[in-house]
Amino acid sequence: MARGVRSHCGSRMPYSPRNACRSDVRAIPWMLWTIWKNRNSLLYAEVQEFTSMLVHRALEESTLWNELNKVEQRDNQISNDLGVPGKWVPPAPGLVKCNVHANWRNDRYLTGGAWITKYHRGDVGVHARNALIPSPDRLSAEMNCLLWVLRSLRDLRLETISIGFAVIAFEVESRGSNKVATEIAKSVLRDGRLQSYLALGGPSWLHDLIQTEVALVDS
């Protein structure tokens, strides 16, 4: 791995934190994850890739993630400038709030989509996750995700949310107030969870985060 990193940096010096390229240092977690996946492929599918390809893919995914992270930081700044709450805000009694997130990387990847409904006390109704078709840009991905969400809510006969029914309201949410939907959507591409599903309540692996938001409502 060190040889691959030195080659990418264009330096013949021994690898160390002082002379390593910043982008390559940030790529180390992706390299470890790629090596782990390649190990599993070798053990279970008897497929072995060249080291150079593994390093190239890890560097590419790291660069992509860092670029997306810059976009998220900029989005957070815009949300703060607009005065959008940084924490989840409950809906009015009698309404159901649906948090939505589309996780878009580029026009070659699937888009991770997720939504979760909550009532005014913070308790979860249902949530869903899906791997949506690739979209040419972030806006198209978000619109495709929104259409999927509205169709799902309509099929569930949630009459206080779905378009064309009794009531619908769209709210601007900050990253901090939309954490649950964001984490579910990101799990599609991050963890390779491409199987779509719909389930009552929230996902067990986000139980603590959901309970934190419930506590905020009760406080």
N, C-alpha and C. Protein backbone atom coordinates (compact mmCIF):
# COMPACT_ATOMS: atom_id res chain seq x y z
N MET A 1 0.83 -1.20 0.00
CA MET A 1 0.00 0.00 0.00
C MET A 1 0.86 1.25 0.00
N ALA A 2 2.00 1.21 0.78
CA ALA A 2 2.87 2.38 0.84
C ALA A 2 3.48 2.67 -0.51
N ARG A 3 3.88 1.60 -1.27
CA ARG A 3 4.46 1.81 -2.58
C ARG A 3 3.47 2.50 -3.50
N GLY A 4 2.20 2.05 -3.43
CA GLY A 4 1.18 2.67 -4.26
C GLY A 4 0.99 4.13 -3.92
N VAL A 5 1.05 4.46 -2.65
CA VAL A 5 0.88 5.84 -2.22
C VAL A 5 2.04 6.69 -2.68
N ARG A 6 3.26 6.18 -2.55
CA ARG A 6 4.42 6.95 -2.98
C ARG A 6 4.39 7.20 -4.47
N SER A 7 3.95 6.21 -5.23
CA SER A 7 3.88 6.37 -6.67
C SER A 7 2.89 7.45 -7.05
N HIS A 8 1.75 7.49 -6.38
CA HIS A 8 0.73 8.49 -6.68
C HIS A 8 1.22 9.89 -6.33
N CYS A 9 1.99 10.02 -5.26
CA CYS A 9 2.48 11.33 -4.85
C CYS A 9 3.59 11.82 -5.76
N GLY A 10 4.23 10.90 -6.47
CA GLY A 10 5.33 11.30 -7.32
C GLY A 10 6.59 11.57 -6.52
N SER A 11 6.77 10.91 -5.39
CA SER A 11 7.90 11.13 -4.51
C SER A 11 8.59 9.82 -4.22
N ARG A 12 9.94 9.88 -4.10
CA ARG A 12 10.69 8.68 -3.78
C ARG A 12 11.08 8.64 -2.29
N MET A 13 10.64 9.62 -1.51
CA MET A 13 10.96 9.64 -0.09
C MET A 13 10.21 8.54 0.63
N PRO A 14 10.74 8.05 1.75
CA PRO A 14 10.00 7.05 2.53
C PRO A 14 8.66 7.61 2.97
N TYR A 15 7.68 6.74 3.04
CA TYR A 15 6.33 7.19 3.40
C TYR A 15 6.27 7.56 4.88
N SER A 16 5.76 8.72 5.18
CA SER A 16 5.56 9.17 6.55
C SER A 16 4.52 10.26 6.52
N PRO A 17 3.87 10.58 7.66
CA PRO A 17 2.86 11.63 7.69
C PRO A 17 3.39 12.97 7.23
N ARG A 18 4.72 13.21 7.39
CA ARG A 18 5.25 14.52 7.03
C ARG A 18 5.32 14.75 5.53
N ASN A 19 5.68 13.68 4.78
CA ASN A 19 5.85 13.89 3.34
C ASN A 19 4.73 13.27 2.52
N ALA A 20 3.72 12.71 3.16
CA ALA A 20 2.61 12.10 2.42
C ALA A 20 1.71 13.18 1.85
N CYS A 21 1.16 12.92 0.65
CA CYS A 21 0.17 13.82 0.07
C CYS A 21 -1.07 13.81 0.95
N ARG A 22 -1.64 14.97 1.15
CA ARG A 22 -2.82 15.06 2.03
C ARG A 22 -3.95 14.20 1.51
N SER A 23 -4.15 14.21 0.18
CA SER A 23 -5.25 13.42 -0.39
C SER A 23 -5.05 11.93 -0.15
N ASP A 24 -3.78 11.48 -0.17
CA ASP A 24 -3.51 10.06 0.04
C ASP A 24 -3.68 9.67 1.50
N VAL A 25 -3.32 10.57 2.41
CA VAL A 25 -3.53 10.29 3.83
C VAL A 25 -5.02 10.12 4.10
N ARG A 26 -5.83 10.99 3.51
CA ARG A 26 -7.27 10.90 3.71
C ARG A 26 -7.85 9.66 3.04
N ALA A 27 -7.11 9.07 2.11
CA ALA A 27 -7.61 7.89 1.39
C ALA A 27 -7.32 6.59 2.12
N ILE A 28 -6.55 6.64 3.21
CA ILE A 28 -6.17 5.41 3.91
C ILE A 28 -7.38 4.59 4.34
N PRO A 29 -8.44 5.18 4.93
CA PRO A 29 -9.61 4.35 5.29
C PRO A 29 -10.22 3.64 4.09
N TRP A 30 -10.24 4.32 2.93
CA TRP A 30 -10.80 3.69 1.73
C TRP A 30 -9.89 2.56 1.24
N MET A 31 -8.58 2.74 1.39
CA MET A 31 -7.65 1.68 0.99
C MET A 31 -7.84 0.44 1.85
N LEU A 32 -7.98 0.66 3.16
CA LEU A 32 -8.20 -0.47 4.06
C LEU A 32 -9.51 -1.19 3.74
N TRP A 33 -10.56 -0.39 3.47
CA TRP A 33 -11.86 -0.98 3.13
C TRP A 33 -11.79 -1.74 1.81
N THR A 34 -11.05 -1.20 0.82
CA THR A 34 -10.91 -1.86 -0.47
C THR A 34 -10.13 -3.16 -0.33
N ILE A 35 -9.07 -3.13 0.49
CA ILE A 35 -8.29 -4.35 0.73
C ILE A 35 -9.16 -5.42 1.39
N TRP A 36 -9.99 -5.00 2.34
CA TRP A 36 -10.88 -5.95 3.03
C TRP A 36 -11.87 -6.57 2.04
N LYS A 37 -12.45 -5.76 1.16
CA LYS A 37 -13.39 -6.29 0.17
C LYS A 37 -12.68 -7.23 -0.79
N ASN A 38 -11.44 -6.88 -1.17
CA ASN A 38 -10.69 -7.73 -2.08
C ASN A 38 -10.35 -9.07 -1.42
N ARG A 39 -10.07 -9.01 -0.11
CA ARG A 39 -9.82 -10.25 0.63
C ARG A 39 -11.03 -11.16 0.58
N ASN A 40 -12.21 -10.59 0.80
CA ASN A 40 -13.44 -11.39 0.77
C ASN A 40 -13.69 -11.95 -0.62
N SER A 41 -13.41 -11.15 -1.65
CA SER A 41 -13.59 -11.64 -3.03
C SER A 41 -12.66 -12.82 -3.30
N LEU A 42 -11.44 -12.74 -2.77
CA LEU A 42 -10.48 -13.82 -2.98
C LEU A 42 -10.91 -15.09 -2.24
N LEU A 43 -11.41 -14.93 -1.02
CA LEU A 43 -11.79 -16.09 -0.21
C LEU A 43 -13.05 -16.77 -0.72
N TYR A 44 -14.05 -15.96 -1.10
CA TYR A 44 -15.37 -16.53 -1.39
C TYR A 44 -15.68 -16.63 -2.88
N ALA A 45 -15.04 -15.81 -3.70
CA ALA A 45 -15.32 -15.85 -5.14
C ALA A 45 -14.08 -16.18 -5.96
N GLU A 46 -12.93 -16.31 -5.28
CA GLU A 46 -11.66 -16.61 -5.94
C GLU A 46 -11.35 -15.59 -7.03
N VAL A 47 -11.62 -14.33 -6.72
CA VAL A 47 -11.34 -13.23 -7.64
C VAL A 47 -10.28 -12.34 -7.01
N GLN A 48 -9.19 -12.08 -7.73
CA GLN A 48 -8.11 -11.26 -7.21
C GLN A 48 -7.84 -10.11 -8.19
N GLU A 49 -7.81 -8.87 -7.68
CA GLU A 49 -7.53 -7.71 -8.51
C GLU A 49 -6.09 -7.25 -8.31
N PHE A 50 -5.57 -6.53 -9.32
CA PHE A 50 -4.23 -5.97 -9.22
C PHE A 50 -4.20 -4.89 -8.13
N THR A 51 -3.07 -4.82 -7.43
CA THR A 51 -2.93 -3.83 -6.36
C THR A 51 -3.10 -2.41 -6.89
N SER A 52 -2.57 -2.16 -8.08
CA SER A 52 -2.67 -0.81 -8.66
C SER A 52 -4.13 -0.41 -8.87
N MET A 53 -4.97 -1.37 -9.25
CA MET A 53 -6.39 -1.08 -9.44
C MET A 53 -7.06 -0.78 -8.10
N LEU A 54 -6.69 -1.53 -7.07
CA LEU A 54 -7.26 -1.30 -5.74
C LEU A 54 -6.91 0.08 -5.22
N VAL A 55 -5.64 0.47 -5.39
CA VAL A 55 -5.21 1.79 -4.93
C VAL A 55 -5.91 2.89 -5.71
N HIS A 56 -6.00 2.70 -7.03
CA HIS A 56 -6.66 3.70 -7.87
C HIS A 56 -8.11 3.89 -7.46
N ARG A 57 -8.83 2.79 -7.22
CA ARG A 57 -10.23 2.89 -6.83
C ARG A 57 -10.37 3.57 -5.47
N ALA A 58 -9.50 3.22 -4.53
CA ALA A 58 -9.57 3.84 -3.20
C ALA A 58 -9.33 5.34 -3.28
N LEU A 59 -8.34 5.75 -4.07
CA LEU A 59 -8.05 7.18 -4.22
C LEU A 59 -9.21 7.90 -4.90
N GLU A 60 -9.81 7.25 -5.88
CA GLU A 60 -10.94 7.86 -6.59
C GLU A 60 -12.13 8.05 -5.65
N GLU A 61 -12.45 7.02 -4.85
CA GLU A 61 -13.58 7.12 -3.93
C GLU A 61 -13.31 8.13 -2.82
N SER A 62 -12.05 8.20 -2.38
CA SER A 62 -11.70 9.18 -1.35
C SER A 62 -11.86 10.60 -1.87
N THR A 63 -11.37 10.83 -3.09
CA THR A 63 -11.50 12.17 -3.69
C THR A 63 -12.96 12.55 -3.85
N LEU A 64 -13.77 11.60 -4.30
CA LEU A 64 -15.20 11.86 -4.49
C LEU A 64 -15.86 12.19 -3.15
N TRP A 65 -15.53 11.42 -2.11
CA TRP A 65 -16.14 11.67 -0.80
C TRP A 65 -15.76 13.05 -0.27
N ASN A 66 -14.50 13.42 -0.42
CA ASN A 66 -14.06 14.73 0.08
C ASN A 66 -14.73 15.87 -0.67
N GLU A 67 -14.95 15.69 -1.97
CA GLU A 67 -15.65 16.72 -2.74
C GLU A 67 -17.09 16.85 -2.26
N LEU A 68 -17.75 15.70 -2.02
CA LEU A 68 -19.12 15.73 -1.53
C LEU A 68 -19.19 16.34 -0.13
N ASN A 69 -18.16 16.08 0.68
CA ASN A 69 -18.14 16.64 2.02
C ASN A 69 -18.05 18.16 1.99
N LYS A 70 -17.31 18.69 0.99
CA LYS A 70 -17.24 20.14 0.83
C LYS A 70 -18.62 20.71 0.50
N VAL A 71 -19.37 19.97 -0.34
CA VAL A 71 -20.72 20.41 -0.70
C VAL A 71 -21.61 20.41 0.53
N GLU A 72 -21.50 19.36 1.37
CA GLU A 72 -22.31 19.29 2.59
C GLU A 72 -22.00 20.45 3.53
N GLN A 73 -20.71 20.79 3.65
CA GLN A 73 -20.34 21.91 4.52
C GLN A 73 -20.92 23.21 3.99
N ARG A 74 -20.91 23.37 2.65
CA ARG A 74 -21.49 24.58 2.07
C ARG A 74 -23.00 24.61 2.29
N ASP A 75 -23.65 23.44 2.16
CA ASP A 75 -25.09 23.37 2.40
C ASP A 75 -25.42 23.74 3.85
N ASN A 76 -24.58 23.28 4.77
CA ASN A 76 -24.81 23.62 6.18
C ASN A 76 -24.71 25.11 6.41
N GLN A 77 -23.74 25.77 5.74
CA GLN A 77 -23.59 27.20 5.89
C GLN A 77 -24.80 27.94 5.35
N ILE A 78 -25.33 27.47 4.20
CA ILE A 78 -26.52 28.09 3.61
C ILE A 78 -27.71 27.93 4.55
N SER A 79 -27.85 26.72 5.14
CA SER A 79 -28.95 26.49 6.07
C SER A 79 -28.86 27.42 7.27
N ASN A 80 -27.64 27.62 7.77
CA ASN A 80 -27.47 28.53 8.91
C ASN A 80 -27.82 29.96 8.53
N ASP A 81 -27.44 30.36 7.32
CA ASP A 81 -27.73 31.72 6.87
C ASP A 81 -29.24 31.94 6.73
N LEU A 82 -29.98 30.88 6.38
CA LEU A 82 -31.43 31.01 6.21
C LEU A 82 -32.18 30.88 7.54
N GLY A 83 -31.46 30.61 8.60
CA GLY A 83 -32.11 30.46 9.90
C GLY A 83 -32.83 29.13 10.06
N VAL A 84 -32.41 28.09 9.32
CA VAL A 84 -33.04 26.78 9.42
C VAL A 84 -32.60 26.11 10.72
N PRO A 85 -33.53 25.54 11.49
CA PRO A 85 -33.16 24.89 12.77
C PRO A 85 -32.13 23.80 12.57
N GLY A 86 -31.20 23.70 13.51
CA GLY A 86 -30.16 22.68 13.42
C GLY A 86 -30.58 21.35 13.99
N LYS A 87 -31.72 21.28 14.67
CA LYS A 87 -32.22 20.03 15.24
C LYS A 87 -33.61 19.73 14.70
N TRP A 88 -34.00 18.45 14.82
CA TRP A 88 -35.30 18.03 14.29
C TRP A 88 -36.42 18.76 15.02
N VAL A 89 -37.38 19.26 14.23
CA VAL A 89 -38.52 20.00 14.77
C VAL A 89 -39.79 19.20 14.51
N PRO A 90 -40.60 18.93 15.51
CA PRO A 90 -41.80 18.11 15.33
C PRO A 90 -42.88 18.83 14.53
N PRO A 91 -43.77 18.07 13.88
CA PRO A 91 -44.90 18.69 13.18
C PRO A 91 -45.99 19.10 14.16
N ALA A 92 -46.96 19.83 13.67
CA ALA A 92 -48.11 20.18 14.52
C ALA A 92 -48.91 18.92 14.83
N PRO A 93 -49.57 18.86 15.98
CA PRO A 93 -50.40 17.69 16.32
C PRO A 93 -51.42 17.40 15.22
N GLY A 94 -51.57 16.14 14.86
CA GLY A 94 -52.49 15.75 13.81
C GLY A 94 -51.83 15.60 12.45
N LEU A 95 -50.60 16.10 12.31
CA LEU A 95 -49.86 15.97 11.06
C LEU A 95 -48.74 14.95 11.22
N VAL A 96 -48.27 14.44 10.09
CA VAL A 96 -47.15 13.51 10.07
C VAL A 96 -46.01 14.16 9.31
N LYS A 97 -44.83 14.18 9.90
CA LYS A 97 -43.67 14.77 9.23
C LYS A 97 -42.85 13.68 8.56
N CYS A 98 -42.48 13.92 7.32
CA CYS A 98 -41.69 12.96 6.56
C CYS A 98 -40.35 13.59 6.21
N ASN A 99 -39.27 13.05 6.77
CA ASN A 99 -37.93 13.50 6.43
C ASN A 99 -37.39 12.67 5.28
N VAL A 100 -36.80 13.36 4.30
CA VAL A 100 -36.36 12.73 3.06
C VAL A 100 -34.90 13.06 2.81
N HIS A 101 -34.16 12.10 2.24
CA HIS A 101 -32.78 12.39 1.84
C HIS A 101 -32.42 11.57 0.61
N ALA A 102 -31.74 12.22 -0.35
CA ALA A 102 -31.20 11.54 -1.54
C ALA A 102 -29.69 11.64 -1.49
N ASN A 103 -29.00 10.52 -1.48
CA ASN A 103 -27.54 10.49 -1.42
C ASN A 103 -26.99 10.28 -2.83
N TRP A 104 -26.60 11.39 -3.49
CA TRP A 104 -26.11 11.36 -4.88
C TRP A 104 -24.60 11.52 -4.90
N ARG A 105 -23.90 10.70 -5.70
CA ARG A 105 -22.45 10.82 -5.83
C ARG A 105 -22.07 11.40 -7.18
N ASN A 106 -22.44 10.69 -8.24
CA ASN A 106 -22.23 11.21 -9.59
C ASN A 106 -23.18 10.48 -10.54
N ASP A 107 -23.06 10.79 -11.85
CA ASP A 107 -24.04 10.25 -12.80
C ASP A 107 -23.82 8.78 -13.13
N ARG A 108 -22.78 8.16 -12.57
CA ARG A 108 -22.53 6.74 -12.82
C ARG A 108 -23.03 5.84 -11.69
N TYR A 109 -23.25 6.41 -10.52
CA TYR A 109 -23.66 5.62 -9.36
C TYR A 109 -25.17 5.64 -9.18
N LEU A 110 -25.67 4.60 -8.53
CA LEU A 110 -27.05 4.64 -8.08
C LEU A 110 -27.20 5.73 -7.02
N THR A 111 -28.41 6.21 -6.85
CA THR A 111 -28.70 7.20 -5.80
C THR A 111 -29.35 6.50 -4.62
N GLY A 112 -28.82 6.73 -3.44
CA GLY A 112 -29.43 6.18 -2.23
C GLY A 112 -30.57 7.07 -1.77
N GLY A 113 -31.75 6.52 -1.61
CA GLY A 113 -32.90 7.30 -1.17
C GLY A 113 -33.49 6.73 0.11
N ALA A 114 -33.99 7.62 0.97
CA ALA A 114 -34.61 7.16 2.22
C ALA A 114 -35.62 8.19 2.70
N TRP A 115 -36.63 7.70 3.40
CA TRP A 115 -37.59 8.59 4.06
C TRP A 115 -38.06 7.94 5.35
N ILE A 116 -38.47 8.78 6.30
CA ILE A 116 -38.95 8.30 7.59
C ILE A 116 -40.03 9.24 8.10
N THR A 117 -41.13 8.68 8.58
CA THR A 117 -42.23 9.50 9.10
C THR A 117 -42.20 9.51 10.62
N LYS A 118 -42.54 10.68 11.18
CA LYS A 118 -42.60 10.84 12.64
C LYS A 118 -43.82 11.68 13.01
N TYR A 119 -44.32 11.43 14.20
CA TYR A 119 -45.46 12.18 14.72
C TYR A 119 -44.97 13.30 15.63
N HIS A 120 -45.91 14.08 16.15
CA HIS A 120 -45.52 15.31 16.84
C HIS A 120 -44.74 15.06 18.13
N ARG A 121 -44.82 13.85 18.68
CA ARG A 121 -44.03 13.53 19.87
C ARG A 121 -42.69 12.89 19.53
N GLY A 122 -42.41 12.74 18.25
CA GLY A 122 -41.14 12.18 17.82
C GLY A 122 -41.13 10.70 17.57
N ASP A 123 -42.23 9.99 17.89
CA ASP A 123 -42.26 8.55 17.65
C ASP A 123 -42.35 8.27 16.16
N VAL A 124 -41.69 7.18 15.73
CA VAL A 124 -41.56 6.85 14.32
C VAL A 124 -42.77 6.07 13.83
N GLY A 125 -43.24 6.40 12.61
CA GLY A 125 -44.30 5.64 11.97
C GLY A 125 -43.71 4.52 11.14
N VAL A 126 -43.21 4.85 9.96
CA VAL A 126 -42.57 3.89 9.07
C VAL A 126 -41.35 4.55 8.45
N HIS A 127 -40.48 3.72 7.87
CA HIS A 127 -39.35 4.26 7.11
C HIS A 127 -39.08 3.34 5.93
N ALA A 128 -38.39 3.86 4.94
CA ALA A 128 -38.10 3.08 3.73
C ALA A 128 -36.76 3.49 3.16
N ARG A 129 -36.16 2.57 2.42
CA ARG A 129 -34.88 2.83 1.76
C ARG A 129 -34.94 2.24 0.36
N ASN A 130 -34.21 2.86 -0.58
CA ASN A 130 -34.24 2.36 -1.95
C ASN A 130 -32.96 2.77 -2.67
N ALA A 131 -32.55 1.97 -3.65
CA ALA A 131 -31.46 2.32 -4.55
C ALA A 131 -32.09 2.78 -5.85
N LEU A 132 -32.01 4.07 -6.13
CA LEU A 132 -32.66 4.66 -7.29
C LEU A 132 -31.71 4.71 -8.48
N ILE A 133 -32.27 4.80 -9.67
CA ILE A 133 -31.47 4.80 -10.89
C ILE A 133 -30.51 5.99 -10.91
N PRO A 134 -29.37 5.88 -11.60
CA PRO A 134 -28.43 7.01 -11.67
C PRO A 134 -29.09 8.26 -12.25
N SER A 135 -28.68 9.41 -11.75
CA SER A 135 -29.21 10.70 -12.21
C SER A 135 -28.06 11.57 -12.69
N PRO A 136 -28.29 12.44 -13.67
CA PRO A 136 -27.20 13.27 -14.23
C PRO A 136 -26.66 14.31 -13.26
N ASP A 137 -27.45 14.73 -12.27
CA ASP A 137 -27.00 15.75 -11.33
C ASP A 137 -27.76 15.60 -10.02
N ARG A 138 -27.34 16.38 -9.02
CA ARG A 138 -27.93 16.27 -7.68
C ARG A 138 -29.41 16.64 -7.68
N LEU A 139 -29.77 17.70 -8.41
CA LEU A 139 -31.16 18.14 -8.43
C LEU A 139 -32.08 17.06 -8.99
N SER A 140 -31.65 16.43 -10.10
CA SER A 140 -32.45 15.36 -10.69
C SER A 140 -32.60 14.19 -9.72
N ALA A 141 -31.51 13.87 -9.02
CA ALA A 141 -31.56 12.78 -8.05
C ALA A 141 -32.56 13.08 -6.94
N GLU A 142 -32.54 14.32 -6.45
CA GLU A 142 -33.46 14.70 -5.38
C GLU A 142 -34.91 14.68 -5.85
N MET A 143 -35.15 15.09 -7.10
CA MET A 143 -36.51 15.07 -7.63
C MET A 143 -37.00 13.63 -7.82
N ASN A 144 -36.13 12.75 -8.32
CA ASN A 144 -36.51 11.34 -8.47
C ASN A 144 -36.82 10.72 -7.11
N CYS A 145 -36.01 11.08 -6.12
CA CYS A 145 -36.24 10.57 -4.77
C CYS A 145 -37.57 11.08 -4.22
N LEU A 146 -37.85 12.36 -4.45
CA LEU A 146 -39.10 12.94 -3.96
C LEU A 146 -40.31 12.27 -4.59
N LEU A 147 -40.24 11.99 -5.90
CA LEU A 147 -41.35 11.31 -6.58
C LEU A 147 -41.57 9.92 -5.99
N TRP A 148 -40.48 9.21 -5.73
CA TRP A 148 -40.58 7.88 -5.12
C TRP A 148 -41.24 7.98 -3.74
N VAL A 149 -40.84 8.98 -2.96
CA VAL A 149 -41.40 9.16 -1.62
C VAL A 149 -42.89 9.44 -1.69
N LEU A 150 -43.29 10.36 -2.58
CA LEU A 150 -44.70 10.72 -2.68
C LEU A 150 -45.56 9.54 -3.13
N ARG A 151 -45.03 8.74 -4.06
CA ARG A 151 -45.77 7.55 -4.49
C ARG A 151 -45.92 6.57 -3.32
N SER A 152 -44.85 6.41 -2.56
CA SER A 152 -44.90 5.49 -1.42
C SER A 152 -45.92 5.95 -0.39
N LEU A 153 -45.91 7.24 -0.08
CA LEU A 153 -46.84 7.79 0.91
C LEU A 153 -48.28 7.69 0.42
N ARG A 154 -48.47 7.91 -0.87
CA ARG A 154 -49.81 7.77 -1.44
C ARG A 154 -50.30 6.34 -1.31
N ASP A 155 -49.42 5.37 -1.63
CA ASP A 155 -49.81 3.97 -1.54
C ASP A 155 -50.14 3.56 -0.10
N LEU A 156 -49.51 4.22 0.86
CA LEU A 156 -49.78 3.93 2.27
C LEU A 156 -50.99 4.69 2.80
N ARG A 157 -51.59 5.53 1.94
CA ARG A 157 -52.78 6.31 2.29
C ARG A 157 -52.53 7.25 3.48
N LEU A 158 -51.36 7.85 3.49
CA LEU A 158 -51.08 8.86 4.50
C LEU A 158 -51.62 10.19 3.98
N GLU A 159 -52.86 10.48 4.33
CA GLU A 159 -53.59 11.56 3.69
C GLU A 159 -53.16 12.96 4.11
N THR A 160 -52.39 13.08 5.15
CA THR A 160 -51.95 14.41 5.57
C THR A 160 -50.57 14.76 5.02
N ILE A 161 -50.04 13.94 4.13
CA ILE A 161 -48.72 14.20 3.56
C ILE A 161 -48.76 14.22 2.04
N SER A 162 -49.33 13.18 1.46
CA SER A 162 -49.18 12.96 0.03
C SER A 162 -49.81 14.06 -0.81
N ILE A 163 -49.17 14.38 -1.89
CA ILE A 163 -49.67 15.41 -2.79
C ILE A 163 -50.97 14.94 -3.42
N GLY A 164 -51.92 15.83 -3.54
CA GLY A 164 -53.22 15.48 -4.08
C GLY A 164 -54.21 15.03 -3.03
N PHE A 165 -53.78 14.98 -1.77
CA PHE A 165 -54.67 14.61 -0.68
C PHE A 165 -54.97 15.85 0.16
N ALA A 166 -55.27 15.64 1.41
CA ALA A 166 -55.77 16.75 2.23
C ALA A 166 -54.75 17.86 2.45
N VAL A 167 -53.58 17.51 2.94
CA VAL A 167 -52.60 18.53 3.31
C VAL A 167 -51.21 18.08 2.91
N ILE A 168 -50.39 19.00 2.42
CA ILE A 168 -48.97 18.71 2.19
C ILE A 168 -48.18 19.97 2.48
N ALA A 169 -47.04 19.82 3.13
CA ALA A 169 -46.19 20.97 3.44
C ALA A 169 -44.74 20.57 3.25
N PHE A 170 -43.96 21.42 2.59
CA PHE A 170 -42.53 21.19 2.41
C PHE A 170 -41.77 22.15 3.30
N GLU A 171 -40.76 21.64 3.99
CA GLU A 171 -39.95 22.47 4.87
C GLU A 171 -38.48 22.29 4.53
N VAL A 172 -37.72 23.37 4.62
CA VAL A 172 -36.27 23.28 4.45
C VAL A 172 -35.68 22.70 5.73
N GLU A 173 -34.90 21.63 5.60
CA GLU A 173 -34.29 21.00 6.76
C GLU A 173 -32.77 21.13 6.68
N SER A 174 -32.14 21.44 7.79
CA SER A 174 -30.69 21.46 7.84
C SER A 174 -30.18 20.03 7.95
N ARG A 175 -28.88 19.85 7.77
CA ARG A 175 -28.29 18.51 7.92
C ARG A 175 -28.53 17.98 9.33
N GLY A 176 -28.41 18.87 10.30
CA GLY A 176 -28.55 18.44 11.68
C GLY A 176 -29.95 17.99 12.04
N SER A 177 -30.96 18.54 11.36
CA SER A 177 -32.34 18.18 11.67
C SER A 177 -32.87 17.05 10.79
N ASN A 178 -32.02 16.54 9.90
CA ASN A 178 -32.46 15.49 8.97
C ASN A 178 -31.53 14.28 9.04
N LYS A 179 -30.96 14.03 10.22
CA LYS A 179 -29.90 13.03 10.37
C LYS A 179 -30.37 11.61 10.08
N VAL A 180 -31.56 11.25 10.55
CA VAL A 180 -32.01 9.86 10.42
C VAL A 180 -32.19 9.48 8.95
N ALA A 181 -32.94 10.31 8.21
CA ALA A 181 -33.15 10.03 6.78
C ALA A 181 -31.83 10.04 6.03
N THR A 182 -30.92 10.95 6.40
CA THR A 182 -29.62 11.04 5.73
C THR A 182 -28.82 9.77 5.94
N GLU A 183 -28.76 9.27 7.17
CA GLU A 183 -27.98 8.07 7.46
C GLU A 183 -28.55 6.85 6.74
N ILE A 184 -29.87 6.73 6.67
CA ILE A 184 -30.48 5.59 5.97
C ILE A 184 -30.15 5.66 4.49
N ALA A 185 -30.26 6.85 3.89
CA ALA A 185 -29.97 7.00 2.47
C ALA A 185 -28.50 6.72 2.16
N LYS A 186 -27.60 7.19 3.02
CA LYS A 186 -26.18 6.97 2.79
C LYS A 186 -25.80 5.50 2.88
N SER A 187 -26.55 4.72 3.65
CA SER A 187 -26.22 3.30 3.82
C SER A 187 -26.36 2.52 2.52
N VAL A 188 -27.13 3.05 1.57
CA VAL A 188 -27.31 2.35 0.28
C VAL A 188 -25.98 2.20 -0.43
N LEU A 189 -25.27 3.31 -0.63
CA LEU A 189 -24.00 3.28 -1.35
C LEU A 189 -22.83 2.97 -0.43
N ARG A 190 -22.86 3.49 0.79
CA ARG A 190 -21.74 3.29 1.71
C ARG A 190 -21.59 1.83 2.11
N ASP A 191 -22.71 1.16 2.37
CA ASP A 191 -22.69 -0.22 2.85
C ASP A 191 -23.16 -1.23 1.81
N GLY A 192 -23.48 -0.75 0.61
CA GLY A 192 -23.93 -1.66 -0.44
C GLY A 192 -25.29 -2.28 -0.18
N ARG A 193 -26.16 -1.55 0.53
CA ARG A 193 -27.50 -2.07 0.84
C ARG A 193 -28.47 -1.66 -0.28
N LEU A 194 -28.47 -2.43 -1.36
CA LEU A 194 -29.24 -2.07 -2.55
C LEU A 194 -30.66 -2.62 -2.54
N GLN A 195 -31.00 -3.44 -1.57
CA GLN A 195 -32.34 -4.01 -1.50
C GLN A 195 -33.31 -2.99 -0.91
N SER A 196 -34.34 -2.64 -1.67
CA SER A 196 -35.33 -1.69 -1.16
C SER A 196 -36.25 -2.38 -0.15
N TYR A 197 -36.77 -1.61 0.79
CA TYR A 197 -37.67 -2.18 1.78
C TYR A 197 -38.50 -1.08 2.43
N LEU A 198 -39.59 -1.49 3.07
CA LEU A 198 -40.44 -0.61 3.86
C LEU A 198 -40.69 -1.30 5.19
N ALA A 199 -40.55 -0.57 6.30
CA ALA A 199 -40.69 -1.21 7.61
C ALA A 199 -41.37 -0.28 8.60
N LEU A 200 -42.10 -0.88 9.54
CA LEU A 200 -42.69 -0.11 10.64
C LEU A 200 -41.59 0.33 11.60
N GLY A 201 -41.75 1.51 12.17
CA GLY A 201 -40.77 2.00 13.12
C GLY A 201 -39.47 2.39 12.43
N GLY A 202 -38.48 2.73 13.23
CA GLY A 202 -37.18 3.13 12.69
C GLY A 202 -36.21 1.96 12.66
N PRO A 203 -35.10 2.10 11.93
CA PRO A 203 -34.09 1.03 11.89
C PRO A 203 -33.41 0.88 13.25
N SER A 204 -33.15 -0.35 13.65
CA SER A 204 -32.58 -0.61 14.98
C SER A 204 -31.20 0.02 15.14
N TRP A 205 -30.43 0.09 14.06
CA TRP A 205 -29.07 0.62 14.17
C TRP A 205 -29.04 2.14 14.34
N LEU A 206 -30.21 2.80 14.23
CA LEU A 206 -30.31 4.24 14.48
C LEU A 206 -31.19 4.53 15.70
N HIS A 207 -31.39 3.51 16.54
CA HIS A 207 -32.28 3.66 17.69
C HIS A 207 -31.86 4.81 18.59
N ASP A 208 -30.56 4.89 18.90
CA ASP A 208 -30.09 5.94 19.82
C ASP A 208 -30.33 7.33 19.25
N LEU A 209 -30.08 7.50 17.95
CA LEU A 209 -30.29 8.80 17.32
C LEU A 209 -31.77 9.19 17.35
N ILE A 210 -32.63 8.22 17.06
CA ILE A 210 -34.08 8.49 17.08
C ILE A 210 -34.54 8.86 18.48
N GLN A 211 -34.05 8.15 19.48
CA GLN A 211 -34.43 8.45 20.86
C GLN A 211 -33.92 9.81 21.31
N THR A 212 -32.78 10.22 20.78
CA THR A 212 -32.26 11.56 21.09
C THR A 212 -33.21 12.63 20.59
N GLU A 213 -33.77 12.42 19.39
CA GLU A 213 -34.71 13.39 18.84
C GLU A 213 -36.03 13.37 19.60
N VAL A 214 -36.45 12.19 20.06
CA VAL A 214 -37.66 12.10 20.89
C VAL A 214 -37.47 12.89 22.18
N ALA A 215 -36.28 12.77 22.77
CA ALA A 215 -35.99 13.48 24.02
C ALA A 215 -36.03 14.99 23.82
N LEU A 216 -35.62 15.45 22.64
CA LEU A 216 -35.65 16.88 22.35
C LEU A 216 -37.09 17.39 22.30
N VAL A 217 -37.99 16.55 21.78
CA VAL A 217 -39.40 16.94 21.71
C VAL A 217 -40.00 17.03 23.11
N ASP A 218 -39.64 16.08 23.97
CA ASP A 218 -40.20 16.03 25.32
C ASP A 218 -39.64 17.11 26.25
N SER A 219 -38.45 17.62 25.89
CA SER A 219 -37.81 18.59 26.79
C SER A 219 -38.45 19.97 26.71
